[in-house]
Structure formats: structure tokens, C-alpha cells
């Protein structure tokens, strides 16, 4: 469960990395529980993953027509990045969207059960 303390903290900085390489900082600007909003500060390497986020948003716009396409696009993001809390812990579960310099996400300290839908 996400900590309500972190949701209320302005100026918290979350990080995105891949294989230990920092490629973006997410500077929290607000939120509406359970979502956090942030400004993206891109670092070296972010250009390599930006297309994944662009594709995910395109698929999200049409999720009612093709949910599996969105799920596949989001899975590519999850395979490519780790979300790191301000205190340095990797988040086991998160749903992160990035549109230009804006990010919004929700997260959990516990891994979700990923059993296939029947």
C-alpha cells in the first residue's frame, strides 16, 4: 500500500533507472491519492525509453478497443525501467505514465498477483 505521507510531500524526487543507470528524476508536484504527479527531469539515456511511454499513451487512448495491446505496451515499460522511491527502494508494482515532461503514477509496496485472465 502506498504511504499517504509520501503522497502529501511536495518536492519529493523519485527516480527511474535501468540496470542501475539513472535516466530520469520525477520531481513530485502534487497528487490525488493514490496518484502522484511530477515533472520529468530527463537524464542521459531517457531518449531510449521515451518511445515506450509514447506508445503506451497511444494504446491507453484506445484501451476499450484493445486492452491487450495496451497491456503489451505497458509490459515493455515494466521490463525496461525501475521506479525508485525518494528513500532509495525499488517499487515492486507501479503504473506510470509519462507525457512529455509530465508524469503520473500509482504504486504499491507489494507485488500484485499476475495470474492470466480466464
C-alpha atoms as a PDB file:
ATOM      1  CA  UNK A   1       0.000   0.000   0.000  1.00  0.00           C
ATOM      2  CA  UNK A   2       1.328   3.456  -0.873  1.00  0.00           C
ATOM      3  CA  UNK A   3       2.284   5.658   2.024  1.00  0.00           C
ATOM      4  CA  UNK A   4      -0.012   8.661   2.440  1.00  0.00           C
ATOM      5  CA  UNK A   5       2.958  10.546   3.911  1.00  0.00           C
ATOM      6  CA  UNK A   6       4.788  10.442   0.570  1.00  0.00           C
ATOM      7  CA  UNK A   7       1.653  11.476  -1.306  1.00  0.00           C
ATOM      8  CA  UNK A   8       1.467  14.700   0.707  1.00  0.00           C
ATOM      9  CA  UNK A   9       5.139  15.630   0.361  1.00  0.00           C
ATOM     10  CA  UNK A  10       5.887  18.267  -2.249  1.00  0.00           C
ATOM     11  CA  UNK A  11       9.356  18.291  -3.792  1.00  0.00           C
ATOM     12  CA  UNK A  12       9.932  14.559  -3.295  1.00  0.00           C
ATOM     13  CA  UNK A  13      12.156  13.156  -6.016  1.00  0.00           C
ATOM     14  CA  UNK A  14      11.551   9.676  -7.360  1.00  0.00           C
ATOM     15  CA  UNK A  15      13.927   8.126  -9.886  1.00  0.00           C
ATOM     16  CA  UNK A  16      13.718   5.926 -12.944  1.00  0.00           C
ATOM     17  CA  UNK A  17      16.611   3.679 -13.732  1.00  0.00           C
ATOM     18  CA  UNK A  18      17.601   0.703 -15.805  1.00  0.00           C
ATOM     19  CA  UNK A  19      20.342  -1.655 -14.693  1.00  0.00           C
ATOM     20  CA  UNK A  20      21.356   0.888 -12.037  1.00  0.00           C
ATOM     21  CA  UNK A  21      21.688   3.757 -14.536  1.00  0.00           C
ATOM     22  CA  UNK A  22      19.659   6.845 -13.612  1.00  0.00           C
ATOM     23  CA  UNK A  23      17.869   8.222 -16.648  1.00  0.00           C
ATOM     24  CA  UNK A  24      15.094  10.387 -15.162  1.00  0.00           C
ATOM     25  CA  UNK A  25      14.088  12.083 -11.970  1.00  0.00           C
ATOM     26  CA  UNK A  26      10.421  12.597 -11.165  1.00  0.00           C
ATOM     27  CA  UNK A  27      10.005  15.740  -9.060  1.00  0.00           C
ATOM     28  CA  UNK A  28       6.643  15.452  -7.293  1.00  0.00           C
ATOM     29  CA  UNK A  29       4.398  18.451  -7.899  1.00  0.00           C
ATOM     30  CA  UNK A  30       1.210  17.117  -6.294  1.00  0.00           C
ATOM     31  CA  UNK A  31      -1.194  14.264  -6.426  1.00  0.00           C
ATOM     32  CA  UNK A  32      -4.653  12.939  -5.803  1.00  0.00           C
ATOM     33  CA  UNK A  33      -4.374   9.718  -3.802  1.00  0.00           C
ATOM     34  CA  UNK A  34      -3.473   7.146  -4.969  1.00  0.00           C
ATOM     35  CA  UNK A  35      -1.868   9.051  -7.869  1.00  0.00           C
ATOM     36  CA  UNK A  36       1.279  11.192  -7.715  1.00  0.00           C
ATOM     37  CA  UNK A  37       2.088  13.865 -10.302  1.00  0.00           C
ATOM     38  CA  UNK A  38       5.583  15.007 -11.196  1.00  0.00           C
ATOM     39  CA  UNK A  39       7.765  16.956 -13.555  1.00  0.00           C
ATOM     40  CA  UNK A  40      10.156  14.726 -15.508  1.00  0.00           C
ATOM     41  CA  UNK A  41      13.818  15.722 -15.444  1.00  0.00           C
ATOM     42  CA  UNK A  42      15.334  13.616 -18.219  1.00  0.00           C
ATOM     43  CA  UNK A  43      18.920  12.403 -17.953  1.00  0.00           C
ATOM     44  CA  UNK A  44      21.226  10.623 -20.388  1.00  0.00           C
ATOM     45  CA  UNK A  45      19.567   7.504 -21.707  1.00  0.00           C
ATOM     46  CA  UNK A  46      15.970   8.666 -21.285  1.00  0.00           C
ATOM     47  CA  UNK A  47      15.611   9.125 -25.036  1.00  0.00           C
ATOM     48  CA  UNK A  48      15.946   5.340 -25.360  1.00  0.00           C
ATOM     49  CA  UNK A  49      12.825   4.669 -23.263  1.00  0.00           C
ATOM     50  CA  UNK A  50      10.712   7.725 -24.148  1.00  0.00           C
ATOM     51  CA  UNK A  51       9.193   5.920 -27.187  1.00  0.00           C
ATOM     52  CA  UNK A  52       7.906   3.193 -24.843  1.00  0.00           C
ATOM     53  CA  UNK A  53       5.951   5.769 -22.860  1.00  0.00           C
ATOM     54  CA  UNK A  54       4.660   7.433 -26.028  1.00  0.00           C
ATOM     55  CA  UNK A  55       3.411   4.091 -27.350  1.00  0.00           C
ATOM     56  CA  UNK A  56       1.799   3.230 -24.001  1.00  0.00           C
ATOM     57  CA  UNK A  57      -0.199   6.501 -24.040  1.00  0.00           C
ATOM     58  CA  UNK A  58      -1.338   5.882 -27.624  1.00  0.00           C
ATOM     59  CA  UNK A  59      -2.543   2.418 -26.587  1.00  0.00           C
ATOM     60  CA  UNK A  60      -4.145   3.796 -23.413  1.00  0.00           C
ATOM     61  CA  UNK A  61      -6.266   6.170 -25.521  1.00  0.00           C
ATOM     62  CA  UNK A  62      -7.779   3.071 -27.188  1.00  0.00           C
ATOM     63  CA  UNK A  63      -7.817   0.682 -24.238  1.00  0.00           C
ATOM     64  CA  UNK A  64     -11.546  -0.027 -24.603  1.00  0.00           C
ATOM     65  CA  UNK A  65     -10.950  -1.265 -28.147  1.00  0.00           C
ATOM     66  CA  UNK A  66      -7.803  -3.308 -27.491  1.00  0.00           C
ATOM     67  CA  UNK A  67      -6.819  -3.850 -23.874  1.00  0.00           C
ATOM     68  CA  UNK A  68      -4.218  -6.496 -24.735  1.00  0.00           C
ATOM     69  CA  UNK A  69      -2.299  -4.040 -26.931  1.00  0.00           C
ATOM     70  CA  UNK A  70      -2.104  -1.606 -24.009  1.00  0.00           C
ATOM     71  CA  UNK A  71      -1.048  -4.386 -21.625  1.00  0.00           C
ATOM     72  CA  UNK A  72       1.731  -5.427 -24.003  1.00  0.00           C
ATOM     73  CA  UNK A  73       2.921  -1.817 -24.371  1.00  0.00           C
ATOM     74  CA  UNK A  74       2.945  -1.350 -20.612  1.00  0.00           C
ATOM     75  CA  UNK A  75       4.778  -4.635 -20.069  1.00  0.00           C
ATOM     76  CA  UNK A  76       7.602  -3.285 -22.250  1.00  0.00           C
ATOM     77  CA  UNK A  77       7.876  -0.305 -19.877  1.00  0.00           C
ATOM     78  CA  UNK A  78       7.956  -2.578 -16.826  1.00  0.00           C
ATOM     79  CA  UNK A  79      10.727  -4.645 -18.406  1.00  0.00           C
ATOM     80  CA  UNK A  80      12.755  -1.536 -19.251  1.00  0.00           C
ATOM     81  CA  UNK A  81      12.589   0.587 -16.088  1.00  0.00           C
ATOM     82  CA  UNK A  82      12.596   0.509 -12.307  1.00  0.00           C
ATOM     83  CA  UNK A  83      10.806   3.116 -10.200  1.00  0.00           C
ATOM     84  CA  UNK A  84      12.821   4.116  -7.132  1.00  0.00           C
ATOM     85  CA  UNK A  85      11.292   5.862  -4.096  1.00  0.00           C
ATOM     86  CA  UNK A  86      12.855   9.006  -2.612  1.00  0.00           C
ATOM     87  CA  UNK A  87      14.425   6.826   0.106  1.00  0.00           C
ATOM     88  CA  UNK A  88      16.090   4.556  -2.470  1.00  0.00           C
ATOM     89  CA  UNK A  89      13.810   1.490  -2.531  1.00  0.00           C
ATOM     90  CA  UNK A  90      12.748  -0.108  -5.812  1.00  0.00           C
ATOM     91  CA  UNK A  91       8.955  -0.225  -6.082  1.00  0.00           C
ATOM     92  CA  UNK A  92       7.685  -3.751  -6.820  1.00  0.00           C
ATOM     93  CA  UNK A  93       4.464  -2.591  -8.523  1.00  0.00           C
ATOM     94  CA  UNK A  94       3.617   0.643 -10.294  1.00  0.00           C
ATOM     95  CA  UNK A  95       1.548   2.116 -13.082  1.00  0.00           C
ATOM     96  CA  UNK A  96       3.488   5.022 -14.599  1.00  0.00           C
ATOM     97  CA  UNK A  97       2.536   7.309 -17.468  1.00  0.00           C
ATOM     98  CA  UNK A  98       4.825   9.937 -18.975  1.00  0.00           C
ATOM     99  CA  UNK A  99       3.587  12.547 -21.445  1.00  0.00           C
ATOM    100  CA  UNK A 100       6.330  14.960 -22.452  1.00  0.00           C
ATOM    101  CA  UNK A 101       7.635  16.456 -19.216  1.00  0.00           C
ATOM    102  CA  UNK A 102       4.652  15.342 -17.105  1.00  0.00           C
ATOM    103  CA  UNK A 103       4.441  12.057 -15.202  1.00  0.00           C
ATOM    104  CA  UNK A 104       1.741  10.486 -13.074  1.00  0.00           C
ATOM    105  CA  UNK A 105       1.756   7.143 -11.317  1.00  0.00           C
ATOM    106  CA  UNK A 106       0.429   4.966  -8.568  1.00  0.00           C
ATOM    107  CA  UNK A 107       2.436   2.309  -6.781  1.00  0.00           C
ATOM    108  CA  UNK A 108       2.414  -0.472  -4.237  1.00  0.00           C
ATOM    109  CA  UNK A 109       4.965  -1.891  -1.829  1.00  0.00           C
ATOM    110  CA  UNK A 110       3.590  -5.367  -2.559  1.00  0.00           C
ATOM    111  CA  UNK A 111       3.794  -7.405  -5.745  1.00  0.00           C
ATOM    112  CA  UNK A 112       0.444  -7.978  -7.428  1.00  0.00           C
ATOM    113  CA  UNK A 113      -0.717 -11.443  -8.383  1.00  0.00           C
ATOM    114  CA  UNK A 114      -0.234 -11.575 -12.171  1.00  0.00           C
ATOM    115  CA  UNK A 115      -2.359 -14.602 -12.932  1.00  0.00           C
ATOM    116  CA  UNK A 116      -3.612 -14.652 -16.526  1.00  0.00           C
ATOM    117  CA  UNK A 117      -7.212 -13.663 -17.110  1.00  0.00           C
ATOM    118  CA  UNK A 118      -9.577 -16.550 -17.816  1.00  0.00           C
END
